[in-house]
C-alpha atoms as a PDB file:
ATOM      1  CA  MET A   1       7.191 -52.247 -30.817  1.00  0.00           C
ATOM      2  CA  ARG A   2       4.562 -51.272 -28.218  1.00  0.00           C
ATOM      3  CA  ALA A   3       7.027 -51.838 -25.354  1.00  0.00           C
ATOM      4  CA  LYS A   4       9.630 -49.701 -27.123  1.00  0.00           C
ATOM      5  CA  SER A   5       7.048 -46.946 -27.657  1.00  0.00           C
ATOM      6  CA  SER A   6       6.006 -46.980 -23.995  1.00  0.00           C
ATOM      7  CA  GLY A   7       9.664 -46.852 -22.947  1.00  0.00           C
ATOM      8  CA  ILE A   8      10.253 -43.749 -25.075  1.00  0.00           C
ATOM      9  CA  SER A   9       7.118 -42.112 -23.660  1.00  0.00           C
ATOM     10  CA  ARG A  10       8.249 -42.873 -20.111  1.00  0.00           C
ATOM     11  CA  MET A  11      11.711 -41.454 -20.804  1.00  0.00           C
ATOM     12  CA  GLU A  12      10.205 -38.277 -22.314  1.00  0.00           C
ATOM     13  CA  ARG A  13       7.932 -37.914 -19.279  1.00  0.00           C
ATOM     14  CA  ASN A  14      10.831 -38.327 -16.864  1.00  0.00           C
ATOM     15  CA  TRP A  15      12.974 -35.793 -18.729  1.00  0.00           C
ATOM     16  CA  GLY A  16      10.019 -33.415 -18.841  1.00  0.00           C
ATOM     17  CA  ILE A  17       9.672 -33.637 -15.061  1.00  0.00           C
ATOM     18  CA  ILE A  18      13.417 -33.070 -14.601  1.00  0.00           C
ATOM     19  CA  PHE A  19      13.398 -29.939 -16.772  1.00  0.00           C
ATOM     20  CA  ALA A  20      10.231 -28.648 -15.079  1.00  0.00           C
ATOM     21  CA  LEU A  21      11.606 -29.092 -11.551  1.00  0.00           C
ATOM     22  CA  PRO A  22      13.762 -25.897 -11.402  1.00  0.00           C
ATOM     23  CA  PRO A  23      10.892 -23.455 -12.150  1.00  0.00           C
ATOM     24  CA  ILE A  24       8.529 -25.454  -9.916  1.00  0.00           C
ATOM     25  CA  LEU A  25      11.008 -25.378  -7.026  1.00  0.00           C
ATOM     26  CA  GLY A  26      11.626 -21.688  -7.680  1.00  0.00           C
ATOM     27  CA  LEU A  27       7.893 -20.995  -7.517  1.00  0.00           C
ATOM     28  CA  LEU A  28       7.561 -22.942  -4.267  1.00  0.00           C
ATOM     29  CA  CYS A  29      10.657 -21.493  -2.557  1.00  0.00           C
ATOM     30  CA  PHE A  30      10.636 -17.902  -3.751  1.00  0.00           C
ATOM     31  CA  THR A  31       6.933 -17.171  -4.278  1.00  0.00           C
ATOM     32  CA  LEU A  32       4.481 -19.476  -2.512  1.00  0.00           C
ATOM     33  CA  TYR A  33       6.534 -19.959   0.670  1.00  0.00           C
ATOM     34  CA  PRO A  34       7.193 -16.203   1.209  1.00  0.00           C
ATOM     35  CA  VAL A  35       3.494 -15.459   0.600  1.00  0.00           C
ATOM     36  CA  ALA A  36       2.411 -18.067   3.144  1.00  0.00           C
ATOM     37  CA  ALA A  37       5.108 -16.945   5.598  1.00  0.00           C
ATOM     38  CA  SER A  38       4.066 -13.297   5.340  1.00  0.00           C
ATOM     39  CA  PHE A  39       0.473 -14.199   6.201  1.00  0.00           C
ATOM     40  CA  PHE A  40       1.669 -16.250   9.186  1.00  0.00           C
ATOM     41  CA  TYR A  41       3.873 -13.393  10.423  1.00  0.00           C
ATOM     42  CA  SER A  42       0.983 -10.931  10.014  1.00  0.00           C
ATOM     43  CA  LEU A  43      -0.733 -12.853  12.806  1.00  0.00           C
ATOM     44  CA  THR A  44       2.255 -12.376  15.137  1.00  0.00           C
ATOM     45  CA  ASN A  45       3.955  -9.477  16.908  1.00  0.00           C
ATOM     46  CA  TRP A  46       7.391 -10.474  15.592  1.00  0.00           C
ATOM     47  CA  SER A  47      10.076  -7.809  15.541  1.00  0.00           C
ATOM     48  CA  ILE A  48      13.615  -8.439  14.297  1.00  0.00           C
ATOM     49  CA  GLY A  49      15.870  -9.557  17.162  1.00  0.00           C
ATOM     50  CA  SER A  50      13.064 -10.553  19.522  1.00  0.00           C
ATOM     51  CA  ASP A  51      10.769 -13.479  20.154  1.00  0.00           C
ATOM     52  CA  TRP A  52       7.315 -13.589  18.687  1.00  0.00           C
ATOM     53  CA  LYS A  53       3.898 -14.714  19.797  1.00  0.00           C
ATOM     54  CA  MET A  54       0.576 -15.140  18.071  1.00  0.00           C
ATOM     55  CA  VAL A  55      -1.709 -12.111  18.320  1.00  0.00           C
ATOM     56  CA  GLY A  56      -4.365 -13.166  15.836  1.00  0.00           C
ATOM     57  CA  PHE A  57      -5.833 -10.265  13.864  1.00  0.00           C
ATOM     58  CA  ASP A  58      -4.650  -7.588  16.315  1.00  0.00           C
ATOM     59  CA  ASN A  59      -2.291  -6.115  13.707  1.00  0.00           C
ATOM     60  CA  TYR A  60      -5.188  -5.672  11.299  1.00  0.00           C
ATOM     61  CA  LYS A  61      -7.355  -4.108  14.012  1.00  0.00           C
ATOM     62  CA  THR A  62      -4.572  -1.663  14.868  1.00  0.00           C
ATOM     63  CA  LEU A  63      -4.272  -0.668  11.211  1.00  0.00           C
ATOM     64  CA  PHE A  64      -7.869   0.500  10.967  1.00  0.00           C
ATOM     65  CA  THR A  65      -8.450   1.780  14.491  1.00  0.00           C
ATOM     66  CA  GLY A  66      -5.163   2.925  16.040  1.00  0.00           C
ATOM     67  CA  ASP A  67      -2.794   3.944  13.229  1.00  0.00           C
ATOM     68  CA  PRO A  68      -3.438   7.367  11.675  1.00  0.00           C
ATOM     69  CA  LEU A  69      -0.404   7.014   9.394  1.00  0.00           C
ATOM     70  CA  PHE A  70      -2.016   3.979   7.758  1.00  0.00           C
ATOM     71  CA  MET A  71      -4.940   6.078   6.531  1.00  0.00           C
ATOM     72  CA  LYS A  72      -2.543   8.889   5.630  1.00  0.00           C
ATOM     73  CA  SER A  73      -0.463   6.547   3.479  1.00  0.00           C
ATOM     74  CA  LEU A  74      -3.569   5.067   1.882  1.00  0.00           C
ATOM     75  CA  TYR A  75      -4.873   8.542   1.062  1.00  0.00           C
ATOM     76  CA  ALA A  76      -1.527   9.660  -0.413  1.00  0.00           C
ATOM     77  CA  THR A  77      -1.286   6.548  -2.574  1.00  0.00           C
ATOM     78  CA  SER A  78      -4.899   6.797  -3.743  1.00  0.00           C
ATOM     79  CA  TYR A  79      -4.466  10.487  -4.569  1.00  0.00           C
ATOM     80  CA  TYR A  80      -1.346   9.688  -6.568  1.00  0.00           C
ATOM     81  CA  ALA A  81      -3.039   6.797  -8.384  1.00  0.00           C
ATOM     82  CA  LEU A  82      -6.150   8.806  -9.276  1.00  0.00           C
ATOM     83  CA  GLY A  83      -3.969  11.463 -10.862  1.00  0.00           C
ATOM     84  CA  SER A  84      -1.106   9.533 -12.431  1.00  0.00           C
ATOM     85  CA  VAL A  85      -3.060   6.633 -13.974  1.00  0.00           C
ATOM     86  CA  PRO A  86      -5.463   8.638 -16.224  1.00  0.00           C
ATOM     87  CA  ILE A  87      -2.846  11.282 -17.065  1.00  0.00           C
ATOM     88  CA  GLY A  88      -0.267   8.608 -17.882  1.00  0.00           C
ATOM     89  CA  LEU A  89      -2.702   6.724 -20.118  1.00  0.00           C
ATOM     90  CA  VAL A  90      -3.768   9.874 -21.974  1.00  0.00           C
ATOM     91  CA  VAL A  91      -0.177  11.040 -22.488  1.00  0.00           C
ATOM     92  CA  ALA A  92       0.984   7.582 -23.604  1.00  0.00           C
ATOM     93  CA  PHE A  93      -1.950   7.122 -25.975  1.00  0.00           C
ATOM     94  CA  THR A  94      -1.497  10.585 -27.482  1.00  0.00           C
ATOM     95  CA  VAL A  95       2.223  10.076 -28.038  1.00  0.00           C
ATOM     96  CA  ALA A  96       1.584   6.612 -29.515  1.00  0.00           C
ATOM     97  CA  MET A  97      -0.916   8.138 -31.954  1.00  0.00           C
ATOM     98  CA  LEU A  98       1.710  10.679 -33.034  1.00  0.00           C
ATOM     99  CA  LEU A  99       4.405   8.022 -33.351  1.00  0.00           C
ATOM    100  CA  ASN A 100       2.092   5.925 -35.499  1.00  0.00           C
ATOM    101  CA  GLN A 101       2.108   8.552 -38.253  1.00  0.00           C
ATOM    102  CA  LYS A 102       4.212   8.208 -41.391  1.00  0.00           C
ATOM    103  CA  VAL A 103       6.718  11.048 -41.049  1.00  0.00           C
ATOM    104  CA  LYS A 104      10.450  11.420 -41.605  1.00  0.00           C
ATOM    105  CA  GLY A 105      12.716  10.452 -38.733  1.00  0.00           C
ATOM    106  CA  LEU A 106       9.969   8.502 -36.976  1.00  0.00           C
ATOM    107  CA  SER A 107      12.415   5.934 -35.550  1.00  0.00           C
ATOM    108  CA  ILE A 108      14.412   8.754 -33.940  1.00  0.00           C
ATOM    109  CA  PHE A 109      11.307  10.167 -32.256  1.00  0.00           C
ATOM    110  CA  ARG A 110      10.318   6.711 -31.012  1.00  0.00           C
ATOM    111  CA  THR A 111      13.774   6.268 -29.492  1.00  0.00           C
ATOM    112  CA  ILE A 112      13.650   9.691 -27.823  1.00  0.00           C
ATOM    113  CA  PHE A 113      10.271   9.031 -26.193  1.00  0.00           C
ATOM    114  CA  TYR A 114      11.371   5.582 -25.001  1.00  0.00           C
ATOM    115  CA  LEU A 115      14.737   6.694 -23.571  1.00  0.00           C
ATOM    116  CA  PRO A 116      13.381   7.834 -20.156  1.00  0.00           C
ATOM    117  CA  THR A 117      12.115   4.299 -19.568  1.00  0.00           C
ATOM    118  CA  ILE A 118      15.582   2.730 -19.761  1.00  0.00           C
ATOM    119  CA  VAL A 119      17.081   5.270 -17.346  1.00  0.00           C
ATOM    120  CA  PRO A 120      17.517   3.573 -13.921  1.00  0.00           C
ATOM    121  CA  SER A 121      14.691   4.470 -11.582  1.00  0.00           C
ATOM    122  CA  ILE A 122      16.930   5.967  -8.886  1.00  0.00           C
ATOM    123  CA  ALA A 123      18.832   8.080 -11.424  1.00  0.00           C
ATOM    124  CA  ASN A 124      15.547   9.269 -12.876  1.00  0.00           C
ATOM    125  CA  THR A 125      14.291  10.244  -9.421  1.00  0.00           C
ATOM    126  CA  ILE A 126      17.481  12.165  -8.605  1.00  0.00           C
ATOM    127  CA  LEU A 127      17.210  13.989 -11.938  1.00  0.00           C
ATOM    128  CA  TRP A 128      13.678  15.131 -11.090  1.00  0.00           C
ATOM    129  CA  LEU A 129      14.833  16.133  -7.620  1.00  0.00           C
ATOM    130  CA  TRP A 130      17.086  18.668  -9.324  1.00  0.00           C
ATOM    131  CA  ILE A 131      14.307  19.745 -11.725  1.00  0.00           C
ATOM    132  CA  PHE A 132      12.001  20.378  -8.737  1.00  0.00           C
ATOM    133  CA  ASN A 133      14.593  22.301  -6.734  1.00  0.00           C
ATOM    134  CA  PRO A 134      12.863  25.576  -5.697  1.00  0.00           C
ATOM    135  CA  ASP A 135      16.096  27.628  -5.762  1.00  0.00           C
ATOM    136  CA  PHE A 136      17.922  26.600  -8.938  1.00  0.00           C
ATOM    137  CA  GLY A 137      15.745  23.897 -10.496  1.00  0.00           C
ATOM    138  CA  LEU A 138      14.851  23.805 -14.171  1.00  0.00           C
ATOM    139  CA  LEU A 139      11.097  24.298 -13.713  1.00  0.00           C
ATOM    140  CA  ASN A 140      11.364  27.391 -11.522  1.00  0.00           C
ATOM    141  CA  SER A 141      14.036  28.839 -13.807  1.00  0.00           C
ATOM    142  CA  MET A 142      11.672  28.466 -16.763  1.00  0.00           C
ATOM    143  CA  LEU A 143       8.798  30.026 -14.818  1.00  0.00           C
ATOM    144  CA  MET A 144      10.913  32.988 -13.727  1.00  0.00           C
ATOM    145  CA  SER A 145      12.142  33.545 -17.297  1.00  0.00           C
ATOM    146  CA  VAL A 146       8.563  34.199 -18.465  1.00  0.00           C
ATOM    147  CA  GLY A 147       7.506  36.142 -15.377  1.00  0.00           C
ATOM    148  CA  LEU A 148       5.316  33.468 -13.788  1.00  0.00           C
ATOM    149  CA  PRO A 149       5.257  32.672 -10.050  1.00  0.00           C
ATOM    150  CA  THR A 150       7.466  29.827  -8.898  1.00  0.00           C
ATOM    151  CA  SER A 151       6.499  26.812  -6.790  1.00  0.00           C
ATOM    152  CA  GLN A 152       7.982  24.732  -3.996  1.00  0.00           C
ATOM    153  CA  TRP A 153       6.990  21.541  -5.869  1.00  0.00           C
ATOM    154  CA  VAL A 154       7.765  18.457  -3.751  1.00  0.00           C
ATOM    155  CA  TYR A 155       8.940  20.635  -0.854  1.00  0.00           C
ATOM    156  CA  GLN A 156       5.435  21.909  -0.075  1.00  0.00           C
ATOM    157  CA  GLU A 157       2.570  19.784   1.228  1.00  0.00           C
ATOM    158  CA  SER A 158      -0.095  21.107  -1.150  1.00  0.00           C
ATOM    159  CA  THR A 159       2.009  20.640  -4.305  1.00  0.00           C
ATOM    160  CA  ALA A 160       3.996  17.503  -3.451  1.00  0.00           C
ATOM    161  CA  ILE A 161       1.615  14.882  -4.873  1.00  0.00           C
ATOM    162  CA  PRO A 162       0.667  16.945  -7.986  1.00  0.00           C
ATOM    163  CA  SER A 163       4.396  17.329  -8.683  1.00  0.00           C
ATOM    164  CA  LEU A 164       4.930  13.576  -8.463  1.00  0.00           C
ATOM    165  CA  ILE A 165       1.919  13.028 -10.722  1.00  0.00           C
ATOM    166  CA  MET A 166       3.499  15.316 -13.298  1.00  0.00           C
ATOM    167  CA  MET A 167       6.771  13.423 -12.910  1.00  0.00           C
ATOM    168  CA  SER A 168       5.028  10.080 -13.499  1.00  0.00           C
ATOM    169  CA  SER A 169       4.077  11.074 -17.060  1.00  0.00           C
ATOM    170  CA  TRP A 170       7.798  11.203 -17.879  1.00  0.00           C
ATOM    171  CA  GLY A 171       8.327   7.438 -17.708  1.00  0.00           C
ATOM    172  CA  VAL A 172       5.454   6.038 -19.777  1.00  0.00           C
ATOM    173  CA  GLY A 173       7.675   4.576 -22.496  1.00  0.00           C
ATOM    174  CA  ASN A 174       6.523   0.993 -21.942  1.00  0.00           C
ATOM    175  CA  THR A 175       2.886   2.073 -22.077  1.00  0.00           C
ATOM    176  CA  ILE A 176       3.585   4.010 -25.281  1.00  0.00           C
ATOM    177  CA  LEU A 177       5.203   0.922 -26.790  1.00  0.00           C
ATOM    178  CA  ILE A 178       2.175  -1.256 -25.980  1.00  0.00           C
ATOM    179  CA  PHE A 179      -0.235   1.349 -27.345  1.00  0.00           C
ATOM    180  CA  LEU A 180       1.867   1.654 -30.498  1.00  0.00           C
ATOM    181  CA  ALA A 181       1.751  -2.107 -31.020  1.00  0.00           C
ATOM    182  CA  GLY A 182      -2.026  -2.026 -30.596  1.00  0.00           C
ATOM    183  CA  LEU A 183      -2.417   0.851 -33.065  1.00  0.00           C
ATOM    184  CA  GLN A 184      -0.400  -0.999 -35.674  1.00  0.00           C
ATOM    185  CA  GLY A 185      -2.737  -3.957 -35.279  1.00  0.00           C
ATOM    186  CA  VAL A 186      -5.886  -1.993 -36.193  1.00  0.00           C
ATOM    187  CA  PRO A 187      -7.058  -3.283 -39.625  1.00  0.00           C
ATOM    188  CA  SER A 188      -6.414  -0.682 -42.315  1.00  0.00           C
ATOM    189  CA  HIS A 189      -9.491  -1.700 -44.304  1.00  0.00           C
ATOM    190  CA  LEU A 190     -11.697  -0.288 -41.528  1.00  0.00           C
ATOM    191  CA  TYR A 191     -10.174   3.148 -42.037  1.00  0.00           C
ATOM    192  CA  GLU A 192     -10.671   2.780 -45.780  1.00  0.00           C
ATOM    193  CA  ALA A 193     -14.338   1.985 -45.222  1.00  0.00           C
ATOM    194  CA  VAL A 194     -14.742   5.192 -43.198  1.00  0.00           C
ATOM    195  CA  GLU A 195     -13.076   7.188 -45.984  1.00  0.00           C
ATOM    196  CA  VAL A 196     -15.445   5.675 -48.552  1.00  0.00           C
ATOM    197  CA  ASP A 197     -18.376   6.751 -46.384  1.00  0.00           C
ATOM    198  CA  GLY A 198     -16.992  10.297 -46.243  1.00  0.00           C
ATOM    199  CA  GLY A 199     -15.878  10.127 -42.619  1.00  0.00           C
ATOM    200  CA  SER A 200     -13.358  12.559 -41.101  1.00  0.00           C
ATOM    201  CA  ARG A 201     -10.312  11.866 -38.928  1.00  0.00           C
ATOM    202  CA  TRP A 202     -12.511  12.257 -35.870  1.00  0.00           C
ATOM    203  CA  HIS A 203     -14.865   9.548 -37.169  1.00  0.00           C
ATOM    204  CA  LYS A 204     -11.882   7.263 -37.756  1.00  0.00           C
ATOM    205  CA  PHE A 205     -10.651   7.819 -34.203  1.00  0.00           C
ATOM    206  CA  TRP A 206     -14.028   7.566 -32.457  1.00  0.00           C
ATOM    207  CA  HIS A 207     -15.535   4.660 -34.409  1.00  0.00           C
ATOM    208  CA  ILE A 208     -12.439   2.634 -35.369  1.00  0.00           C
ATOM    209  CA  THR A 209      -9.307   3.467 -33.383  1.00  0.00           C
ATOM    210  CA  LEU A 210     -10.834   3.799 -29.927  1.00  0.00           C
ATOM    211  CA  PRO A 211     -13.036   0.660 -30.009  1.00  0.00           C
ATOM    212  CA  CYS A 212     -10.207  -1.438 -31.483  1.00  0.00           C
ATOM    213  CA  MET A 213      -7.815  -0.150 -28.827  1.00  0.00           C
ATOM    214  CA  THR A 214     -10.037  -0.875 -25.808  1.00  0.00           C
ATOM    215  CA  PRO A 215      -8.341  -4.236 -25.051  1.00  0.00           C
ATOM    216  CA  THR A 216      -4.961  -2.492 -25.037  1.00  0.00           C
ATOM    217  CA  ILE A 217      -6.320   0.366 -22.910  1.00  0.00           C
ATOM    218  CA  PHE A 218      -7.753  -2.215 -20.513  1.00  0.00           C
ATOM    219  CA  PHE A 219      -4.385  -3.974 -20.169  1.00  0.00           C
ATOM    220  CA  ASN A 220      -2.472  -0.729 -19.613  1.00  0.00           C
ATOM    221  CA  LEU A 221      -5.093   0.463 -17.128  1.00  0.00           C
ATOM    222  CA  VAL A 222      -4.720  -2.658 -14.980  1.00  0.00           C
ATOM    223  CA  MET A 223      -0.916  -2.611 -15.104  1.00  0.00           C
ATOM    224  CA  SER A 224      -0.751   1.129 -14.357  1.00  0.00           C
ATOM    225  CA  LEU A 225      -3.140   0.763 -11.441  1.00  0.00           C
ATOM    226  CA  ILE A 226      -1.071  -2.025  -9.913  1.00  0.00           C
ATOM    227  CA  GLY A 227       2.167  -0.125 -10.506  1.00  0.00           C
ATOM    228  CA  THR A 228       1.041   3.168  -8.953  1.00  0.00           C
ATOM    229  CA  PHE A 229      -0.174   1.481  -5.781  1.00  0.00           C
ATOM    230  CA  GLN A 230       3.348   0.112  -5.409  1.00  0.00           C
ATOM    231  CA  ALA A 231       5.039   3.529  -5.778  1.00  0.00           C
ATOM    232  CA  PHE A 232       8.126   3.666  -3.584  1.00  0.00           C
ATOM    233  CA  ASN A 233      11.226   5.316  -5.077  1.00  0.00           C
ATOM    234  CA  GLN A 234       9.740   8.812  -5.190  1.00  0.00           C
ATOM    235  CA  ALA A 235       9.045   8.833  -1.460  1.00  0.00           C
ATOM    236  CA  TYR A 236      12.231   6.972  -0.544  1.00  0.00           C
ATOM    237  CA  VAL A 237      14.670   9.115  -2.542  1.00  0.00           C
ATOM    238  CA  MET A 238      12.966  12.489  -2.959  1.00  0.00           C
ATOM    239  CA  THR A 239      10.772  13.278   0.023  1.00  0.00           C
ATOM    240  CA  GLU A 240      11.153  10.552   2.686  1.00  0.00           C
ATOM    241  CA  GLY A 241       7.379  10.708   3.008  1.00  0.00           C
ATOM    242  CA  GLY A 242       7.278  14.455   3.646  1.00  0.00           C
ATOM    243  CA  PRO A 243       6.474  17.198   3.928  1.00  0.00           C
ATOM    244  CA  ASN A 244       4.158  16.410   6.833  1.00  0.00           C
ATOM    245  CA  ASN A 245       3.664  12.839   5.528  1.00  0.00           C
ATOM    246  CA  SER A 246       1.945  14.172   2.397  1.00  0.00           C
ATOM    247  CA  THR A 247       3.913  11.720   0.211  1.00  0.00           C
ATOM    248  CA  LEU A 248       3.924   8.828   2.648  1.00  0.00           C
ATOM    249  CA  PHE A 249       3.136   6.218   0.010  1.00  0.00           C
ATOM    250  CA  TYR A 250       1.794   2.909   1.243  1.00  0.00           C
ATOM    251  CA  VAL A 251       4.766   0.772   0.220  1.00  0.00           C
ATOM    252  CA  TYR A 252       7.205   3.286   1.703  1.00  0.00           C
ATOM    253  CA  TYR A 253       5.261   3.176   4.978  1.00  0.00           C
ATOM    254  CA  LEU A 254       5.407  -0.619   4.844  1.00  0.00           C
ATOM    255  CA  TYR A 255       9.177  -0.405   4.260  1.00  0.00           C
ATOM    256  CA  ARG A 256       9.614   1.897   7.266  1.00  0.00           C
ATOM    257  CA  LYS A 257       7.658  -0.436   9.524  1.00  0.00           C
ATOM    258  CA  ALA A 258       9.631  -3.479   8.374  1.00  0.00           C
ATOM    259  CA  PHE A 259      13.199  -2.201   8.046  1.00  0.00           C
ATOM    260  CA  THR A 260      13.343   0.987  10.143  1.00  0.00           C
ATOM    261  CA  GLU A 261      11.145  -0.001  13.067  1.00  0.00           C
ATOM    262  CA  SER A 262      11.766  -3.773  12.565  1.00  0.00           C
ATOM    263  CA  LYS A 263       8.065  -4.601  13.025  1.00  0.00           C
ATOM    264  CA  ILE A 264       7.879  -7.525  10.609  1.00  0.00           C
ATOM    265  CA  GLY A 265       4.510  -8.777  11.837  1.00  0.00           C
ATOM    266  CA  TYR A 266       2.886  -5.387  11.432  1.00  0.00           C
ATOM    267  CA  ALA A 267       4.533  -4.837   8.026  1.00  0.00           C
ATOM    268  CA  SER A 268       3.241  -8.232   6.869  1.00  0.00           C
ATOM    269  CA  ALA A 269      -0.289  -7.177   7.801  1.00  0.00           C
ATOM    270  CA  LEU A 270       0.224  -3.995   5.773  1.00  0.00           C
ATOM    271  CA  ALA A 271       1.348  -6.089   2.817  1.00  0.00           C
ATOM    272  CA  TRP A 272      -1.748  -8.269   2.932  1.00  0.00           C
ATOM    273  CA  VAL A 273      -4.063  -5.260   3.149  1.00  0.00           C
ATOM    274  CA  LEU A 274      -2.320  -3.828   0.076  1.00  0.00           C
ATOM    275  CA  PHE A 275      -2.790  -7.141  -1.729  1.00  0.00           C
ATOM    276  CA  ILE A 276      -6.523  -7.112  -0.937  1.00  0.00           C
ATOM    277  CA  ILE A 277      -6.860  -3.475  -2.092  1.00  0.00           C
ATOM    278  CA  ILE A 278      -5.087  -4.116  -5.405  1.00  0.00           C
ATOM    279  CA  MET A 279      -6.998  -7.350  -5.989  1.00  0.00           C
ATOM    280  CA  THR A 280     -10.327  -5.614  -5.289  1.00  0.00           C
ATOM    281  CA  LEU A 281      -9.568  -2.729  -7.643  1.00  0.00           C
ATOM    282  CA  THR A 282      -8.393  -5.131 -10.339  1.00  0.00           C
ATOM    283  CA  LEU A 283     -11.572  -7.196 -10.027  1.00  0.00           C
ATOM    284  CA  ILE A 284     -13.681  -4.027 -10.305  1.00  0.00           C
ATOM    285  CA  VAL A 285     -11.859  -3.054 -13.500  1.00  0.00           C
ATOM    286  CA  PHE A 286     -12.289  -6.573 -14.892  1.00  0.00           C
ATOM    287  CA  LYS A 287     -15.977  -6.520 -14.008  1.00  0.00           C
ATOM    288  CA  SER A 288     -16.496  -3.151 -15.693  1.00  0.00           C
ATOM    289  CA  SER A 289     -14.568  -4.235 -18.804  1.00  0.00           C
ATOM    290  CA  LYS A 290     -17.597  -6.147 -20.079  1.00  0.00           C
ATOM    291  CA  ARG A 291     -19.274  -2.796 -20.779  1.00  0.00           C
ATOM    292  CA  TRP A 292     -16.487  -0.943 -22.579  1.00  0.00           C
ATOM    293  CA  VAL A 293     -13.864  -3.396 -23.849  1.00  0.00           C
ATOM    294  CA  HIS A 294     -14.606  -4.636 -27.367  1.00  0.00           C
ATOM    295  CA  TYR A 295     -12.879  -7.723 -28.717  1.00  0.00           C
ATOM    296  CA  GLU A 296     -12.810  -8.719 -32.360  1.00  0.00           C
ATOM    297  CA  GLU A 297     -14.615 -11.992 -31.689  1.00  0.00           C
ATOM    298  CA  GLY A 298     -17.440 -10.088 -29.994  1.00  0.00           C
ATOM    299  CA  GLY A 299     -17.852  -7.884 -33.030  1.00  0.00           C
ATOM    300  CA  ARG A 300     -18.501 -10.885 -35.197  1.00  0.00           C
END
């Protein structure tokens, strides 16, 4: 009986290994190997179609000392992130609060607010390119109809990034969905306790909703921060980094170095600097979360 049991255990272990091999091989071939290869290439001067040689950390030195477009792209991306992340979170949270109310036709409103998220990213960008058109775009037409001055939007250096920040609040459907799920998980008896104590809607929001939602806010903050630092389509489709490199987002600059100028070694160094920046910002947010994120277990 013991031999039969050990044979079954061995067979289950072997089958487990067989079924686990595809994702393990996929991780090794399509994730770990490219990551290791990109770091190796960042230490070379490799360009597509030519030989390469090791240059050590020269690519990294050039980034910080001899490449003004690197700092320009980092500034543009940081500016965009500082604007789009808080605005996107506030808009998504506000809409989720409204969609959490018990009103007629609520499912229709939820569908309407989520629809922009399922529109393909390129199609969405082209749509906003028409909206921002200074001659016949929707926004300027609306401004002219009420007698307000028009704007050049993404076609002017001073308004390009603010316009893209405004555009970013359009596609927060996933964030709204996550906030809505978090709001529906807030215990109703806590609201009832506030009502018994004579609390108002503001007291419910400030003392119940907001503290209970801090884990969800924390998650959306981290994901939004990572996503905005990887912004690409807006610059690629709408502005090509212009005007005057004002929308030269970091990932678009990396793309240009890799696939327009064919400087794979230099682009790999850019990628690793971006990884370090995102990792550092994420760690800072995680470190600060101990002060403002409240979990249910901690409340006990």
